[in-house]
Amino acid sequence: MTERALYIAWATLIALSLGSTALAASGLWVHWPVASGVAVLVLAWWKARIILARYLGLDAAPAWRRRFDFGLGCLCVLMLGLYLAPLAM
């Protein structure tokens, strides 16, 4: 990975972290818990994909990246279901 790509990945991770922090600090989750939960999970999924692709080098192995993306997506759907289960009752 080039130094420029490393800085871009780092800056993107910082921006996504600031986004999730701003979402949590805004108190929006009190009024819209489902939308806020989905938003935080999407931000976390995006950060995990960047880490896997850039820092672990999965950009160079597309087949492995698809497998990791599928597993990560399944994990996120499971976590979303666990988050939404108590809200449905």
Protein backbone atom coordinates (compact mmCIF):
# COMPACT_ATOMS: atom_id res chain seq x y z
CA MET A 1 0.00 0.00 0.00
CA THR A 2 1.30 3.43 -0.85
CA GLU A 3 1.72 6.09 1.77
CA ARG A 4 -1.00 8.20 0.14
CA ALA A 5 -3.49 5.33 0.26
CA LEU A 6 -2.62 4.78 3.92
CA TYR A 7 -3.35 8.42 4.74
CA ILE A 8 -6.62 8.33 2.81
CA ALA A 9 -7.72 5.18 4.67
CA TRP A 10 -6.70 6.72 8.00
CA ALA A 11 -8.56 9.98 7.27
CA THR A 12 -11.66 8.04 6.22
CA LEU A 13 -11.57 6.00 9.43
CA ILE A 14 -11.27 9.20 11.48
CA ALA A 15 -14.19 10.79 9.60
CA LEU A 16 -16.39 7.72 10.13
CA SER A 17 -15.47 7.65 13.82
CA LEU A 18 -16.37 11.31 14.15
CA GLY A 19 -19.66 10.60 12.39
CA SER A 20 -20.62 7.84 14.80
CA THR A 21 -19.53 9.98 17.76
CA ALA A 22 -21.62 12.90 16.52
CA LEU A 23 -24.60 10.61 16.05
CA ALA A 24 -24.28 9.29 19.59
CA ALA A 25 -23.76 12.75 21.10
CA SER A 26 -26.69 14.30 19.23
CA GLY A 27 -29.29 12.39 21.20
CA LEU A 28 -30.99 11.39 17.95
CA TRP A 29 -31.09 7.78 19.14
CA VAL A 30 -33.68 8.73 21.77
CA HIS A 31 -36.23 9.76 19.15
CA TRP A 32 -35.31 7.34 16.35
CA PRO A 33 -33.61 4.32 17.91
CA VAL A 34 -33.99 2.08 14.86
CA ALA A 35 -32.58 4.59 12.36
CA SER A 36 -29.74 5.48 14.72
CA GLY A 37 -28.90 1.84 15.35
CA VAL A 38 -28.83 1.12 11.63
CA ALA A 39 -26.67 4.21 10.99
CA VAL A 40 -24.12 3.25 13.66
CA LEU A 41 -23.96 -0.29 12.33
CA VAL A 42 -23.46 0.90 8.75
CA LEU A 43 -20.64 3.19 9.88
CA ALA A 44 -19.00 0.32 11.79
CA TRP A 45 -19.40 -1.99 8.78
CA TRP A 46 -17.80 0.59 6.51
CA LYS A 47 -14.88 1.04 8.92
CA ALA A 48 -14.35 -2.72 9.16
CA ARG A 49 -14.31 -3.01 5.35
CA ILE A 50 -11.66 -0.29 5.10
CA ILE A 51 -9.50 -1.99 7.71
CA LEU A 52 -9.83 -5.38 6.03
CA ALA A 53 -9.23 -4.05 2.53
CA ARG A 54 -6.44 -1.55 3.14
CA TYR A 55 -4.55 -2.68 6.23
CA LEU A 56 -4.89 -6.45 5.82
CA GLY A 57 -4.33 -6.26 2.08
CA LEU A 58 -7.58 -7.84 0.90
CA ASP A 59 -7.64 -5.38 -2.01
CA ALA A 60 -5.03 -7.62 -3.61
CA ALA A 61 -7.19 -10.74 -3.14
CA PRO A 62 -10.72 -10.04 -4.47
CA ALA A 63 -12.03 -13.56 -3.79
CA TRP A 64 -10.99 -13.40 -0.16
CA ARG A 65 -12.37 -9.88 0.13
CA ARG A 66 -15.79 -11.06 -1.10
CA ARG A 67 -15.76 -13.85 1.48
CA PHE A 68 -14.83 -11.48 4.29
CA ASP A 69 -17.46 -8.98 3.10
CA PHE A 70 -20.10 -11.71 3.15
CA GLY A 71 -19.11 -12.83 6.66
CA LEU A 72 -18.98 -9.26 7.90
CA GLY A 73 -22.37 -8.55 6.37
CA CYS A 74 -23.86 -11.62 8.07
CA LEU A 75 -22.39 -10.52 11.39
CA CYS A 76 -23.84 -7.02 10.97
CA VAL A 77 -27.29 -8.40 10.12
CA LEU A 78 -27.11 -10.64 13.21
CA MET A 79 -26.13 -7.69 15.41
CA LEU A 80 -28.91 -5.58 13.92
CA GLY A 81 -31.41 -8.34 14.66
CA LEU A 82 -30.18 -8.59 18.24
CA TYR A 83 -30.48 -4.81 18.57
CA LEU A 84 -34.00 -4.70 17.12
CA ALA A 85 -35.39 -7.73 18.99
CA PRO A 86 -36.10 -5.93 22.30
CA LEU A 87 -37.54 -2.93 20.45
CA ALA A 88 -40.13 -5.15 18.75
CA MET A 89 -41.60 -6.28 22.05
